[in-house]
């Protein structure tokens, strides 16, 4: 992911349970140097979260990638957990259509 083409920002945590994740408590780039855990969010030109990484000791522990309908509603979420298991969620106007788990 090229941070020059997408707005990259850093956060302490997230709130809520809906997708996309709502990253909260933004920190500056230099403030993350002393943190063991933080979130890195990449945003598109419409300020929609397209990629979210939870970093723990510099390693990506959790990854969310989002695609959106033209209306701005999440169309697809691809979630990779710490074990590398991928879950793909597909939505239509905020109604989950399909849940697929890949090894």
PDB file of N, CA and C in Angstrom:
ATOM      1  N   UNK A   1       0.855  -1.181   0.000  1.00  0.00           N
ATOM      2  CA  UNK A   1       0.000   0.000   0.000  1.00  0.00           C
ATOM      3  C   UNK A   1       0.887   1.226   0.000  1.00  0.00           C
ATOM      4  N   UNK A   2       0.703   2.078  -0.960  1.00  0.00           N
ATOM      5  CA  UNK A   2       1.527   3.267  -1.127  1.00  0.00           C
ATOM      6  C   UNK A   2       0.886   4.432  -0.388  1.00  0.00           C
ATOM      7  N   UNK A   3       1.501   4.888   0.696  1.00  0.00           N
ATOM      8  CA  UNK A   3       0.919   5.953   1.503  1.00  0.00           C
ATOM      9  C   UNK A   3       0.931   7.289   0.787  1.00  0.00           C
ATOM     10  N   UNK A   4       1.703   7.436  -0.302  1.00  0.00           N
ATOM     11  CA  UNK A   4       1.691   8.687  -1.050  1.00  0.00           C
ATOM     12  C   UNK A   4       0.394   8.836  -1.834  1.00  0.00           C
ATOM     13  N   UNK A   5      -0.205   7.730  -2.262  1.00  0.00           N
ATOM     14  CA  UNK A   5      -1.440   7.773  -3.035  1.00  0.00           C
ATOM     15  C   UNK A   5      -2.674   7.714  -2.150  1.00  0.00           C
ATOM     16  N   UNK A   6      -2.526   7.360  -0.906  1.00  0.00           N
ATOM     17  CA  UNK A   6      -3.637   7.270   0.025  1.00  0.00           C
ATOM     18  C   UNK A   6      -3.235   7.945   1.325  1.00  0.00           C
ATOM     19  N   UNK A   7      -4.178   8.620   1.920  1.00  0.00           N
ATOM     20  CA  UNK A   7      -3.959   9.330   3.162  1.00  0.00           C
ATOM     21  C   UNK A   7      -3.735   8.312   4.283  1.00  0.00           C
ATOM     22  N   UNK A   8      -2.540   8.265   4.854  1.00  0.00           N
ATOM     23  CA  UNK A   8      -2.207   7.341   5.934  1.00  0.00           C
ATOM     24  C   UNK A   8      -2.177   8.105   7.249  1.00  0.00           C
ATOM     25  N   UNK A   9      -2.907   7.562   8.244  1.00  0.00           N
ATOM     26  CA  UNK A   9      -2.940   8.178   9.561  1.00  0.00           C
ATOM     27  C   UNK A   9      -2.806   7.085  10.620  1.00  0.00           C
ATOM     28  N   UNK A  10      -2.427   7.477  11.833  1.00  0.00           N
ATOM     29  CA  UNK A  10      -2.167   6.537  12.920  1.00  0.00           C
ATOM     30  C   UNK A  10      -3.115   6.791  14.081  1.00  0.00           C
ATOM     31  N   UNK A  11      -3.526   5.694  14.751  1.00  0.00           N
ATOM     32  CA  UNK A  11      -4.517   5.775  15.817  1.00  0.00           C
ATOM     33  C   UNK A  11      -4.149   4.828  16.953  1.00  0.00           C
ATOM     34  N   UNK A  12      -4.691   5.118  18.129  1.00  0.00           N
ATOM     35  CA  UNK A  12      -4.457   4.272  19.296  1.00  0.00           C
ATOM     36  C   UNK A  12      -5.406   3.086  19.306  1.00  0.00           C
ATOM     37  N   UNK A  13      -6.657   3.291  18.878  1.00  0.00           N
ATOM     38  CA  UNK A  13      -7.652   2.228  19.009  1.00  0.00           C
ATOM     39  C   UNK A  13      -8.773   2.415  17.999  1.00  0.00           C
ATOM     40  N   UNK A  14      -9.853   1.659  18.187  1.00  0.00           N
ATOM     41  CA  UNK A  14     -11.064   1.809  17.393  1.00  0.00           C
ATOM     42  C   UNK A  14     -12.265   1.679  18.315  1.00  0.00           C
ATOM     43  N   UNK A  15     -13.420   2.115  17.822  1.00  0.00           N
ATOM     44  CA  UNK A  15     -14.641   1.994  18.623  1.00  0.00           C
ATOM     45  C   UNK A  15     -15.739   1.364  17.775  1.00  0.00           C
ATOM     46  N   UNK A  16     -16.699   0.784  18.446  1.00  0.00           N
ATOM     47  CA  UNK A  16     -17.845   0.195  17.775  1.00  0.00           C
ATOM     48  C   UNK A  16     -17.562  -1.200  17.249  1.00  0.00           C
ATOM     49  N   UNK A  17     -18.619  -1.786  16.633  1.00  0.00           N
ATOM     50  CA  UNK A  17     -18.492  -3.138  16.099  1.00  0.00           C
ATOM     51  C   UNK A  17     -18.840  -3.202  14.614  1.00  0.00           C
ATOM     52  N   UNK A  18     -19.341  -2.101  14.051  1.00  0.00           N
ATOM     53  CA  UNK A  18     -19.718  -2.083  12.645  1.00  0.00           C
ATOM     54  C   UNK A  18     -18.492  -1.903  11.762  1.00  0.00           C
ATOM     55  N   UNK A  19     -18.631  -2.345  10.522  1.00  0.00           N
ATOM     56  CA  UNK A  19     -17.572  -2.149   9.538  1.00  0.00           C
ATOM     57  C   UNK A  19     -17.930  -0.977   8.636  1.00  0.00           C
ATOM     58  N   UNK A  20     -16.979  -0.179   8.235  1.00  0.00           N
ATOM     59  CA  UNK A  20     -15.562  -0.300   8.545  1.00  0.00           C
ATOM     60  C   UNK A  20     -15.287   0.105   9.995  1.00  0.00           C
ATOM     61  N   UNK A  21     -14.156  -0.348  10.507  1.00  0.00           N
ATOM     62  CA  UNK A  21     -13.775   0.026  11.859  1.00  0.00           C
ATOM     63  C   UNK A  21     -13.713   1.550  11.969  1.00  0.00           C
ATOM     64  N   UNK A  22     -14.050   2.058  13.147  1.00  0.00           N
ATOM     65  CA  UNK A  22     -13.986   3.490  13.421  1.00  0.00           C
ATOM     66  C   UNK A  22     -12.721   3.753  14.237  1.00  0.00           C
ATOM     67  N   UNK A  23     -11.641   4.140  13.567  1.00  0.00           N
ATOM     68  CA  UNK A  23     -10.384   4.382  14.263  1.00  0.00           C
ATOM     69  C   UNK A  23     -10.482   5.661  15.079  1.00  0.00           C
ATOM     70  N   UNK A  24      -9.978   5.620  16.321  1.00  0.00           N
ATOM     71  CA  UNK A  24     -10.106   6.751  17.244  1.00  0.00           C
ATOM     72  C   UNK A  24      -8.767   7.069  17.897  1.00  0.00           C
ATOM     73  N   UNK A  25      -8.705   8.250  18.485  1.00  0.00           N
ATOM     74  CA  UNK A  25      -7.524   8.753  19.191  1.00  0.00           C
ATOM     75  C   UNK A  25      -6.320   8.814  18.252  1.00  0.00           C
ATOM     76  N   UNK A  26      -6.432   9.695  17.263  1.00  0.00           N
ATOM     77  CA  UNK A  26      -5.361   9.840  16.274  1.00  0.00           C
ATOM     78  C   UNK A  26      -4.076  10.332  16.934  1.00  0.00           C
ATOM     79  N   UNK A  27      -2.963   9.787  16.477  1.00  0.00           N
ATOM     80  CA  UNK A  27      -1.641  10.211  16.955  1.00  0.00           C
ATOM     81  C   UNK A  27      -0.807  10.612  15.750  1.00  0.00           C
ATOM     82  N   UNK A  28       0.189  11.435  15.998  1.00  0.00           N
ATOM     83  CA  UNK A  28       1.096  11.869  14.936  1.00  0.00           C
ATOM     84  C   UNK A  28       2.115  10.769  14.653  1.00  0.00           C
ATOM     85  N   UNK A  29       2.689  10.825  13.485  1.00  0.00           N
ATOM     86  CA  UNK A  29       3.655   9.816  13.056  1.00  0.00           C
ATOM     87  C   UNK A  29       4.760   9.626  14.091  1.00  0.00           C
ATOM     88  N   UNK A  30       5.314  10.724  14.613  1.00  0.00           N
ATOM     89  CA  UNK A  30       6.418  10.608  15.566  1.00  0.00           C
ATOM     90  C   UNK A  30       5.966  10.115  16.947  1.00  0.00           C
ATOM     91  N   UNK A  31       4.673  10.167  17.246  1.00  0.00           N
ATOM     92  CA  UNK A  31       4.156   9.713  18.536  1.00  0.00           C
ATOM     93  C   UNK A  31       4.038   8.187  18.610  1.00  0.00           C
ATOM     94  N   UNK A  32       4.119   7.523  17.500  1.00  0.00           N
ATOM     95  CA  UNK A  32       3.977   6.066  17.500  1.00  0.00           C
ATOM     96  C   UNK A  32       5.296   5.358  17.812  1.00  0.00           C
ATOM     97  N   UNK A  33       6.396   6.086  17.806  1.00  0.00           N
ATOM     98  CA  UNK A  33       7.712   5.490  18.054  1.00  0.00           C
ATOM     99  C   UNK A  33       7.801   4.794  19.404  1.00  0.00           C
ATOM    100  N   UNK A  34       7.113   5.318  20.408  1.00  0.00           N
ATOM    101  CA  UNK A  34       7.163   4.747  21.758  1.00  0.00           C
ATOM    102  C   UNK A  34       5.996   3.822  22.058  1.00  0.00           C
ATOM    103  N   UNK A  35       5.207   3.484  21.054  1.00  0.00           N
ATOM    104  CA  UNK A  35       4.033   2.619  21.253  1.00  0.00           C
ATOM    105  C   UNK A  35       4.325   1.223  20.735  1.00  0.00           C
ATOM    106  N   UNK A  36       3.903   0.216  21.481  1.00  0.00           N
ATOM    107  CA  UNK A  36       4.045  -1.166  21.039  1.00  0.00           C
ATOM    108  C   UNK A  36       2.920  -1.567  20.087  1.00  0.00           C
ATOM    109  N   UNK A  37       1.742  -0.986  20.309  1.00  0.00           N
ATOM    110  CA  UNK A  37       0.563  -1.335  19.528  1.00  0.00           C
ATOM    111  C   UNK A  37      -0.125  -0.061  19.060  1.00  0.00           C
ATOM    112  N   UNK A  38      -0.507  -0.037  17.790  1.00  0.00           N
ATOM    113  CA  UNK A  38      -1.272   1.074  17.237  1.00  0.00           C
ATOM    114  C   UNK A  38      -1.910   0.617  15.928  1.00  0.00           C
ATOM    115  N   UNK A  39      -2.801   1.438  15.410  1.00  0.00           N
ATOM    116  CA  UNK A  39      -3.478   1.160  14.154  1.00  0.00           C
ATOM    117  C   UNK A  39      -3.004   2.138  13.092  1.00  0.00           C
ATOM    118  N   UNK A  40      -2.857   1.636  11.882  1.00  0.00           N
ATOM    119  CA  UNK A  40      -2.503   2.478  10.737  1.00  0.00           C
ATOM    120  C   UNK A  40      -3.669   2.392   9.756  1.00  0.00           C
ATOM    121  N   UNK A  41      -4.252   3.543   9.444  1.00  0.00           N
ATOM    122  CA  UNK A  41      -5.398   3.580   8.542  1.00  0.00           C
ATOM    123  C   UNK A  41      -5.055   4.298   7.255  1.00  0.00           C
ATOM    124  N   UNK A  42      -5.469   3.728   6.145  1.00  0.00           N
ATOM    125  CA  UNK A  42      -5.300   4.337   4.832  1.00  0.00           C
ATOM    126  C   UNK A  42      -6.668   4.738   4.312  1.00  0.00           C
ATOM    127  N   UNK A  43      -6.795   5.963   3.837  1.00  0.00           N
ATOM    128  CA  UNK A  43      -8.074   6.523   3.417  1.00  0.00           C
ATOM    129  C   UNK A  43      -8.021   6.924   1.945  1.00  0.00           C
ATOM    130  N   UNK A  44      -9.164   6.771   1.271  1.00  0.00           N
ATOM    131  CA  UNK A  44      -9.226   7.171  -0.132  1.00  0.00           C
ATOM    132  C   UNK A  44      -9.540   8.660  -0.245  1.00  0.00           C
ATOM    133  N   UNK A  45      -9.734   9.113  -1.467  1.00  0.00           N
ATOM    134  CA  UNK A  45      -9.984  10.541  -1.714  1.00  0.00           C
ATOM    135  C   UNK A  45     -11.312  11.017  -1.135  1.00  0.00           C
ATOM    136  N   UNK A  46     -12.192  10.093  -0.748  1.00  0.00           N
ATOM    137  CA  UNK A  46     -13.467  10.437  -0.128  1.00  0.00           C
ATOM    138  C   UNK A  46     -13.411  10.287   1.394  1.00  0.00           C
ATOM    139  N   UNK A  47     -12.202  10.103   1.927  1.00  0.00           N
ATOM    140  CA  UNK A  47     -11.972   9.917   3.368  1.00  0.00           C
ATOM    141  C   UNK A  47     -12.624   8.643   3.899  1.00  0.00           C
ATOM    142  N   UNK A  48     -12.757   7.626   3.044  1.00  0.00           N
ATOM    143  CA  UNK A  48     -13.259   6.320   3.472  1.00  0.00           C
ATOM    144  C   UNK A  48     -12.067   5.428   3.794  1.00  0.00           C
ATOM    145  N   UNK A  49     -12.158   4.709   4.891  1.00  0.00           N
ATOM    146  CA  UNK A  49     -11.107   3.782   5.293  1.00  0.00           C
ATOM    147  C   UNK A  49     -11.053   2.637   4.289  1.00  0.00           C
ATOM    148  N   UNK A  50      -9.901   2.449   3.641  1.00  0.00           N
ATOM    149  CA  UNK A  50      -9.771   1.372   2.665  1.00  0.00           C
ATOM    150  C   UNK A  50      -8.850   0.261   3.160  1.00  0.00           C
ATOM    151  N   UNK A  51      -8.007   0.580   4.126  1.00  0.00           N
ATOM    152  CA  UNK A  51      -7.103  -0.426   4.690  1.00  0.00           C
ATOM    153  C   UNK A  51      -6.809  -0.040   6.133  1.00  0.00           C
ATOM    154  N   UNK A  52      -6.902  -1.022   7.014  1.00  0.00           N
ATOM    155  CA  UNK A  52      -6.626  -0.805   8.428  1.00  0.00           C
ATOM    156  C   UNK A  52      -5.695  -1.908   8.898  1.00  0.00           C
ATOM    157  N   UNK A  53      -4.592  -1.527   9.493  1.00  0.00           N
ATOM    158  CA  UNK A  53      -3.606  -2.480  10.001  1.00  0.00           C
ATOM    159  C   UNK A  53      -3.429  -2.268  11.496  1.00  0.00           C
ATOM    160  N   UNK A  54      -3.519  -3.349  12.258  1.00  0.00           N
ATOM    161  CA  UNK A  54      -3.163  -3.287  13.670  1.00  0.00           C
ATOM    162  C   UNK A  54      -1.724  -3.761  13.753  1.00  0.00           C
ATOM    163  N   UNK A  55      -0.846  -2.883  14.206  1.00  0.00           N
ATOM    164  CA  UNK A  55       0.565  -3.220  14.314  1.00  0.00           C
ATOM    165  C   UNK A  55       0.936  -3.461  15.769  1.00  0.00           C
ATOM    166  N   UNK A  56       1.598  -4.587  16.007  1.00  0.00           N
ATOM    167  CA  UNK A  56       2.076  -4.947  17.338  1.00  0.00           C
ATOM    168  C   UNK A  56       3.567  -5.237  17.207  1.00  0.00           C
ATOM    169  N   UNK A  57       4.369  -4.451  17.888  1.00  0.00           N
ATOM    170  CA  UNK A  57       5.828  -4.554  17.795  1.00  0.00           C
ATOM    171  C   UNK A  57       6.290  -4.541  16.335  1.00  0.00           C
ATOM    172  N   UNK A  58       5.660  -3.679  15.535  1.00  0.00           N
ATOM    173  CA  UNK A  58       6.067  -3.488  14.151  1.00  0.00           C
ATOM    174  C   UNK A  58       5.530  -4.505  13.158  1.00  0.00           C
ATOM    175  N   UNK A  59       4.820  -5.524  13.631  1.00  0.00           N
ATOM    176  CA  UNK A  59       4.260  -6.560  12.750  1.00  0.00           C
ATOM    177  C   UNK A  59       2.751  -6.376  12.618  1.00  0.00           C
ATOM    178  N   UNK A  60       2.218  -6.623  11.421  1.00  0.00           N
ATOM    179  CA  UNK A  60       0.776  -6.532  11.224  1.00  0.00           C
ATOM    180  C   UNK A  60       0.116  -7.757  11.853  1.00  0.00           C
ATOM    181  N   UNK A  61      -0.730  -7.504  12.867  1.00  0.00           N
ATOM    182  CA  UNK A  61      -1.418  -8.576  13.580  1.00  0.00           C
ATOM    183  C   UNK A  61      -2.842  -8.770  13.071  1.00  0.00           C
ATOM    184  N   UNK A  62      -3.419  -7.728  12.520  1.00  0.00           N
ATOM    185  CA  UNK A  62      -4.780  -7.769  12.006  1.00  0.00           C
ATOM    186  C   UNK A  62      -4.854  -6.824  10.818  1.00  0.00           C
ATOM    187  N   UNK A  63      -5.533  -7.249   9.755  1.00  0.00           N
ATOM    188  CA  UNK A  63      -5.635  -6.436   8.543  1.00  0.00           C
ATOM    189  C   UNK A  63      -7.073  -6.444   8.054  1.00  0.00           C
ATOM    190  N   UNK A  64      -7.617  -5.264   7.811  1.00  0.00           N
ATOM    191  CA  UNK A  64      -8.927  -5.103   7.190  1.00  0.00           C
ATOM    192  C   UNK A  64      -8.734  -4.315   5.903  1.00  0.00           C
ATOM    193  N   UNK A  65      -9.318  -4.796   4.800  1.00  0.00           N
ATOM    194  CA  UNK A  65      -9.334  -4.060   3.533  1.00  0.00           C
ATOM    195  C   UNK A  65     -10.790  -3.918   3.119  1.00  0.00           C
ATOM    196  N   UNK A  66     -11.184  -2.701   2.718  1.00  0.00           N
ATOM    197  CA  UNK A  66     -12.575  -2.410   2.401  1.00  0.00           C
ATOM    198  C   UNK A  66     -12.732  -1.901   0.970  1.00  0.00           C
ATOM    199  N   UNK A  67     -13.842  -2.306   0.349  1.00  0.00           N
ATOM    200  CA  UNK A  67     -14.305  -1.755  -0.919  1.00  0.00           C
ATOM    201  C   UNK A  67     -15.701  -1.213  -0.668  1.00  0.00           C
ATOM    202  N   UNK A  68     -16.100  -0.199  -1.443  1.00  0.00           N
ATOM    203  CA  UNK A  68     -17.365   0.476  -1.193  1.00  0.00           C
ATOM    204  C   UNK A  68     -18.260   0.499  -2.427  1.00  0.00           C
ATOM    205  N   UNK A  69     -19.578   0.480  -2.168  1.00  0.00           N
ATOM    206  CA  UNK A  69     -20.560   0.741  -3.211  1.00  0.00           C
ATOM    207  C   UNK A  69     -20.462   2.227  -3.576  1.00  0.00           C
ATOM    208  N   UNK A  70     -20.999   2.613  -4.719  1.00  0.00           N
ATOM    209  CA  UNK A  70     -21.017   4.027  -5.110  1.00  0.00           C
ATOM    210  C   UNK A  70     -21.727   4.893  -4.082  1.00  0.00           C
ATOM    211  N   UNK A  71     -22.662   4.296  -3.347  1.00  0.00           N
ATOM    212  CA  UNK A  71     -23.406   5.024  -2.315  1.00  0.00           C
ATOM    213  C   UNK A  71     -22.555   5.323  -1.081  1.00  0.00           C
ATOM    214  N   UNK A  72     -21.381   4.702  -0.977  1.00  0.00           N
ATOM    215  CA  UNK A  72     -20.519   4.895   0.180  1.00  0.00           C
ATOM    216  C   UNK A  72     -20.630   3.800   1.217  1.00  0.00           C
ATOM    217  N   UNK A  73     -21.573   2.879   1.033  1.00  0.00           N
ATOM    218  CA  UNK A  73     -21.763   1.753   1.948  1.00  0.00           C
ATOM    219  C   UNK A  73     -20.704   0.684   1.648  1.00  0.00           C
ATOM    220  N   UNK A  74     -20.199   0.037   2.690  1.00  0.00           N
ATOM    221  CA  UNK A  74     -19.202  -1.020   2.508  1.00  0.00           C
ATOM    222  C   UNK A  74     -19.775  -2.112   1.615  1.00  0.00           C
ATOM    223  N   UNK A  75     -19.041  -2.455   0.563  1.00  0.00           N
ATOM    224  CA  UNK A  75     -19.432  -3.537  -0.344  1.00  0.00           C
ATOM    225  C   UNK A  75     -18.757  -4.838   0.074  1.00  0.00           C
ATOM    226  N   UNK A  76     -17.458  -4.749   0.455  1.00  0.00           N
ATOM    227  CA  UNK A  76     -16.705  -5.943   0.802  1.00  0.00           C
ATOM    228  C   UNK A  76     -15.670  -5.608   1.866  1.00  0.00           C
ATOM    229  N   UNK A  77     -15.508  -6.528   2.809  1.00  0.00           N
ATOM    230  CA  UNK A  77     -14.457  -6.435   3.823  1.00  0.00           C
ATOM    231  C   UNK A  77     -13.658  -7.723   3.766  1.00  0.00           C
ATOM    232  N   UNK A  78     -12.349  -7.594   3.607  1.00  0.00           N
ATOM    233  CA  UNK A  78     -11.448  -8.745   3.631  1.00  0.00           C
ATOM    234  C   UNK A  78     -10.632  -8.612   4.909  1.00  0.00           C
ATOM    235  N   UNK A  79     -10.797  -9.580   5.799  1.00  0.00           N
ATOM    236  CA  UNK A  79     -10.173  -9.506   7.120  1.00  0.00           C
ATOM    237  C   UNK A  79      -9.182 -10.649   7.268  1.00  0.00           C
ATOM    238  N   UNK A  80      -7.939 -10.297   7.588  1.00  0.00           N
ATOM    239  CA  UNK A  80      -6.891 -11.287   7.805  1.00  0.00           C
ATOM    240  C   UNK A  80      -6.484 -11.222   9.274  1.00  0.00           C
ATOM    241  N   UNK A  81      -6.581 -12.363   9.981  1.00  0.00           N
ATOM    242  CA  UNK A  81      -6.240 -12.363  11.398  1.00  0.00           C
ATOM    243  C   UNK A  81      -4.770 -12.697  11.614  1.00  0.00           C
ATOM    244  N   UNK A  82      -4.374 -12.770  12.868  1.00  0.00           N
ATOM    245  CA  UNK A  82      -2.975 -12.984  13.236  1.00  0.00           C
ATOM    246  C   UNK A  82      -2.440 -14.320  12.723  1.00  0.00           C
ATOM    247  N   UNK A  83      -3.319 -15.296  12.524  1.00  0.00           N
ATOM    248  CA  UNK A  83      -2.899 -16.604  12.032  1.00  0.00           C
ATOM    249  C   UNK A  83      -2.905 -16.685  10.513  1.00  0.00           C
ATOM    250  N   UNK A  84      -3.238 -15.577   9.849  1.00  0.00           N
ATOM    251  CA  UNK A  84      -3.277 -15.567   8.394  1.00  0.00           C
ATOM    252  C   UNK A  84      -4.583 -16.065   7.806  1.00  0.00           C
ATOM    253  N   UNK A  85      -5.579 -16.350   8.661  1.00  0.00           N
ATOM    254  CA  UNK A  85      -6.885 -16.787   8.160  1.00  0.00           C
ATOM    255  C   UNK A  85      -7.626 -15.578   7.605  1.00  0.00           C
ATOM    256  N   UNK A  86      -8.223 -15.769   6.425  1.00  0.00           N
ATOM    257  CA  UNK A  86      -8.908 -14.690   5.722  1.00  0.00           C
ATOM    258  C   UNK A  86     -10.409 -14.914   5.773  1.00  0.00           C
ATOM    259  N   UNK A  87     -11.128 -13.872   6.146  1.00  0.00           N
ATOM    260  CA  UNK A  87     -12.584 -13.875   6.114  1.00  0.00           C
ATOM    261  C   UNK A  87     -13.015 -12.786   5.146  1.00  0.00           C
ATOM    262  N   UNK A  88     -13.898 -13.144   4.209  1.00  0.00           N
ATOM    263  CA  UNK A  88     -14.408 -12.177   3.246  1.00  0.00           C
ATOM    264  C   UNK A  88     -15.896 -11.981   3.517  1.00  0.00           C
ATOM    265  N   UNK A  89     -16.275 -10.736   3.765  1.00  0.00           N
ATOM    266  CA  UNK A  89     -17.673 -10.391   3.984  1.00  0.00           C
ATOM    267  C   UNK A  89     -18.132  -9.521   2.825  1.00  0.00           C
ATOM    268  N   UNK A  90     -19.285  -9.845   2.247  1.00  0.00           N
ATOM    269  CA  UNK A  90     -19.828  -9.085   1.128  1.00  0.00           C
ATOM    270  C   UNK A  90     -21.168  -8.502   1.563  1.00  0.00           C
ATOM    271  N   UNK A  91     -21.365  -7.205   1.319  1.00  0.00           N
ATOM    272  CA  UNK A  91     -22.565  -6.495   1.762  1.00  0.00           C
ATOM    273  C   UNK A  91     -23.278  -5.840   0.585  1.00  0.00           C
ATOM    274  N   UNK A  92     -24.598  -5.754   0.704  1.00  0.00           N
ATOM    275  CA  UNK A  92     -25.413  -5.026  -0.252  1.00  0.00           C
ATOM    276  C   UNK A  92     -26.312  -4.110   0.558  1.00  0.00           C
ATOM    277  N   UNK A  93     -26.079  -2.825   0.468  1.00  0.00           N
ATOM    278  CA  UNK A  93     -26.864  -1.848   1.224  1.00  0.00           C
ATOM    279  C   UNK A  93     -26.952  -2.209   2.693  1.00  0.00           C
ATOM    280  N   UNK A  94     -25.809  -2.562   3.258  1.00  0.00           N
ATOM    281  CA  UNK A  94     -25.634  -2.887   4.670  1.00  0.00           C
ATOM    282  C   UNK A  94     -26.272  -4.211   5.081  1.00  0.00           C
ATOM    283  N   UNK A  95     -26.629  -5.051   4.126  1.00  0.00           N
ATOM    284  CA  UNK A  95     -27.138  -6.380   4.430  1.00  0.00           C
ATOM    285  C   UNK A  95     -26.081  -7.388   4.004  1.00  0.00           C
ATOM    286  N   UNK A  96     -25.622  -8.209   4.946  1.00  0.00           N
ATOM    287  CA  UNK A  96     -24.596  -9.194   4.631  1.00  0.00           C
ATOM    288  C   UNK A  96     -25.176 -10.253   3.705  1.00  0.00           C
ATOM    289  N   UNK A  97     -24.533 -10.438   2.538  1.00  0.00           N
ATOM    290  CA  UNK A  97     -24.991 -11.420   1.576  1.00  0.00           C
ATOM    291  C   UNK A  97     -24.247 -12.731   1.690  1.00  0.00           C
ATOM    292  N   UNK A  98     -22.963 -12.638   1.944  1.00  0.00           N
ATOM    293  CA  UNK A  98     -22.136 -13.841   1.860  1.00  0.00           C
ATOM    294  C   UNK A  98     -21.011 -13.741   2.869  1.00  0.00           C
ATOM    295  N   UNK A  99     -20.700 -14.856   3.486  1.00  0.00           N
ATOM    296  CA  UNK A  99     -19.545 -14.924   4.367  1.00  0.00           C
ATOM    297  C   UNK A  99     -18.725 -16.121   3.914  1.00  0.00           C
ATOM    298  N   UNK A 100     -17.482 -15.859   3.604  1.00  0.00           N
ATOM    299  CA  UNK A 100     -16.626 -16.921   3.078  1.00  0.00           C
ATOM    300  C   UNK A 100     -15.327 -16.913   3.861  1.00  0.00           C
ATOM    301  N   UNK A 101     -14.915 -18.077   4.308  1.00  0.00           N
ATOM    302  CA  UNK A 101     -13.654 -18.201   5.035  1.00  0.00           C
ATOM    303  C   UNK A 101     -12.704 -19.015   4.172  1.00  0.00           C
ATOM    304  N   UNK A 102     -11.504 -18.456   3.978  1.00  0.00           N
ATOM    305  CA  UNK A 102     -10.479 -19.135   3.195  1.00  0.00           C
ATOM    306  C   UNK A 102      -9.319 -19.510   4.100  1.00  0.00           C
ATOM    307  N   UNK A 103      -8.676 -20.651   3.836  1.00  0.00           N
ATOM    308  CA  UNK A 103      -7.533 -21.070   4.667  1.00  0.00           C
ATOM    309  C   UNK A 103      -6.348 -20.154   4.481  1.00  0.00           C
TER     310      UNK A 103
END
